C-alpha atoms as a PDB file:
ATOM      1  CA  MET A   1      86.307-107.099  16.119  1.00  0.00           C
ATOM      2  CA  LYS A   2      83.287-108.982  17.360  1.00  0.00           C
ATOM      3  CA  GLU A   3      84.000-108.112  20.952  1.00  0.00           C
ATOM      4  CA  PHE A   4      84.509-104.307  19.820  1.00  0.00           C
ATOM      5  CA  ALA A   5      81.144-104.072  17.976  1.00  0.00           C
ATOM      6  CA  HIS A   6      79.342-105.566  21.236  1.00  0.00           C
ATOM      7  CA  VAL A   7      81.104-103.154  23.619  1.00  0.00           C
ATOM      8  CA  SER A   8      80.843 -99.992  21.294  1.00  0.00           C
ATOM      9  CA  ALA A   9      77.044-100.625  20.990  1.00  0.00           C
ATOM     10  CA  GLY A  10      76.484-101.386  24.558  1.00  0.00           C
ATOM     11  CA  GLY A  11      75.449-105.154  23.883  1.00  0.00           C
ATOM     12  CA  THR A  12      72.179-103.865  22.219  1.00  0.00           C
ATOM     13  CA  CYS A  13      71.047-103.613  18.604  1.00  0.00           C
ATOM     14  CA  THR A  14      72.270-100.419  16.952  1.00  0.00           C
ATOM     15  CA  ALA A  15      69.084 -99.789  15.007  1.00  0.00           C
ATOM     16  CA  PRO A  16      66.944 -96.929  16.052  1.00  0.00           C
ATOM     17  CA  GLY A  17      64.725 -97.620  19.122  1.00  0.00           C
ATOM     18  CA  CYS A  18      65.842-101.191  19.396  1.00  0.00           C
ATOM     19  CA  ALA A  19      67.022-102.412  22.897  1.00  0.00           C
ATOM     20  CA  SER A  20      67.205-106.373  21.801  1.00  0.00           C
ATOM     21  CA  PRO A  21      70.722-107.960  22.436  1.00  0.00           C
ATOM     22  CA  ILE A  22      73.059-108.160  19.511  1.00  0.00           C
ATOM     23  CA  GLN A  23      72.700-111.395  17.631  1.00  0.00           C
ATOM     24  CA  GLU A  24      74.400-110.793  14.406  1.00  0.00           C
ATOM     25  CA  LEU A  25      77.147-108.723  13.073  1.00  0.00           C
ATOM     26  CA  ASP A  26      76.544-106.786   9.822  1.00  0.00           C
ATOM     27  CA  HIS A  27      78.769-104.823   7.362  1.00  0.00           C
ATOM     28  CA  ILE A  28      77.392-101.118   7.125  1.00  0.00           C
ATOM     29  CA  THR A  29      79.016-100.977   3.601  1.00  0.00           C
ATOM     30  CA  PRO A  30      78.113-104.507   2.086  1.00  0.00           C
ATOM     31  CA  TRP A  31      81.032-106.833   1.425  1.00  0.00           C
ATOM     32  CA  PRO A  32      82.830-107.103  -0.703  1.00  0.00           C
ATOM     33  CA  ALA A  33      82.708-103.299  -1.360  1.00  0.00           C
ATOM     34  CA  GLY A  34      83.066-102.773   2.316  1.00  0.00           C
ATOM     35  CA  HIS A  35      86.067-104.391   4.077  1.00  0.00           C
ATOM     36  CA  THR A  36      85.618-106.327   7.338  1.00  0.00           C
ATOM     37  CA  THR A  37      86.783-103.581   9.882  1.00  0.00           C
ATOM     38  CA  PRO A  38      85.682-102.423  13.121  1.00  0.00           C
ATOM     39  CA  ALA A  39      84.253 -99.224  11.692  1.00  0.00           C
ATOM     40  CA  ASN A  40      82.392-101.131   9.187  1.00  0.00           C
ATOM     41  CA  LEU A  41      80.701-103.559  11.309  1.00  0.00           C
ATOM     42  CA  GLN A  42      77.598-103.073  13.450  1.00  0.00           C
ATOM     43  CA  GLY A  43      75.534-105.220  15.982  1.00  0.00           C
ATOM     44  CA  LEU A  44      72.067-105.954  15.113  1.00  0.00           C
ATOM     45  CA  CYS A  45      69.260-108.367  16.296  1.00  0.00           C
ATOM     46  CA  THR A  46      68.202-110.652  13.699  1.00  0.00           C
ATOM     47  CA  TRP A  47      65.031-108.700  12.932  1.00  0.00           C
ATOM     48  CA  HIS A  48      66.851-105.591  11.993  1.00  0.00           C
ATOM     49  CA  HIS A  49      69.469-107.284  10.278  1.00  0.00           C
ATOM     50  CA  HIS A  50      66.965-108.863   7.861  1.00  0.00           C
ATOM     51  CA  ARG A  51      65.272-105.521   7.489  1.00  0.00           C
ATOM     52  CA  LYS A  52      68.502-103.897   6.530  1.00  0.00           C
ATOM     53  CA  HIS A  53      68.970-106.288   3.691  1.00  0.00           C
ATOM     54  CA  ASP A  54      65.284-106.024   2.569  1.00  0.00           C
ATOM     55  CA  ASN A  55      65.390-102.462   1.488  1.00  0.00           C
ATOM     56  CA  TYR A  56      66.643-100.259   4.300  1.00  0.00           C
ATOM     57  CA  THR A  57      69.639 -98.190   4.082  1.00  0.00           C
ATOM     58  CA  ALA A  58      72.254 -97.845   6.999  1.00  0.00           C
ATOM     59  CA  THR A  59      75.158 -95.600   6.909  1.00  0.00           C
ATOM     60  CA  ARG A  60      77.642 -94.435   9.850  1.00  0.00           C
ATOM     61  CA  ASP A  61      79.221 -91.160  10.509  1.00  0.00           C
ATOM     62  CA  PRO A  62      83.101 -91.322  11.603  1.00  0.00           C
ATOM     63  CA  ASP A  63      81.988 -90.556  15.241  1.00  0.00           C
ATOM     64  CA  GLY A  64      79.828 -93.756  15.400  1.00  0.00           C
ATOM     65  CA  THR A  65      76.354 -92.074  14.719  1.00  0.00           C
ATOM     66  CA  SER A  66      74.329 -94.413  12.576  1.00  0.00           C
ATOM     67  CA  HIS A  67      71.637 -93.247  10.047  1.00  0.00           C
ATOM     68  CA  TRP A  68      68.879 -95.516   8.937  1.00  0.00           C
ATOM     69  CA  THR A  69      66.469 -94.763   5.937  1.00  0.00           C
ATOM     70  CA  THR A  70      63.182 -96.892   5.604  1.00  0.00           C
ATOM     71  CA  PRO A  71      61.871 -97.943   2.296  1.00  0.00           C
ATOM     72  CA  THR A  72      59.322 -94.805   2.647  1.00  0.00           C
ATOM     73  CA  GLY A  73      62.121 -92.430   3.083  1.00  0.00           C
ATOM     74  CA  ARG A  74      61.794 -91.802   6.990  1.00  0.00           C
ATOM     75  CA  HIS A  75      65.253 -91.024   8.426  1.00  0.00           C
ATOM     76  CA  TYR A  76      66.360 -92.177  11.926  1.00  0.00           C
ATOM     77  CA  THR A  77      69.483 -91.716  13.610  1.00  0.00           C
ATOM     78  CA  THR A  78      71.221 -93.390  16.634  1.00  0.00           C
ATOM     79  CA  ARG A  79      74.358 -92.297  18.526  1.00  0.00           C
ATOM     80  CA  PRO A  80      77.128 -94.716  19.833  1.00  0.00           C
ATOM     81  CA  PHE A  81      76.593 -96.095  23.363  1.00  0.00           C
ATOM     82  CA  GLU A  82      78.157 -93.883  26.068  1.00  0.00           C
ATOM     83  CA  TYR A  83      79.697 -95.453  29.124  1.00  0.00           C
END
């Protein structure tokens, strides 16, 4: 699953606008409510991983599109890496 998360993200953080390498994997739907499956994992840099747990919200569509909402209500979208 770890390799799948890296490959599907192109090796870079899946947060909007970030080009840092993946350093940590994160459950999109927090464990234990969200199971550890490829569809529920995303690769993040350390900074974005901590921001998500502060009070950002991240969700993912079935096609792999990620949506991030900031604490101030701004919404950002990222699409899966295309090879």
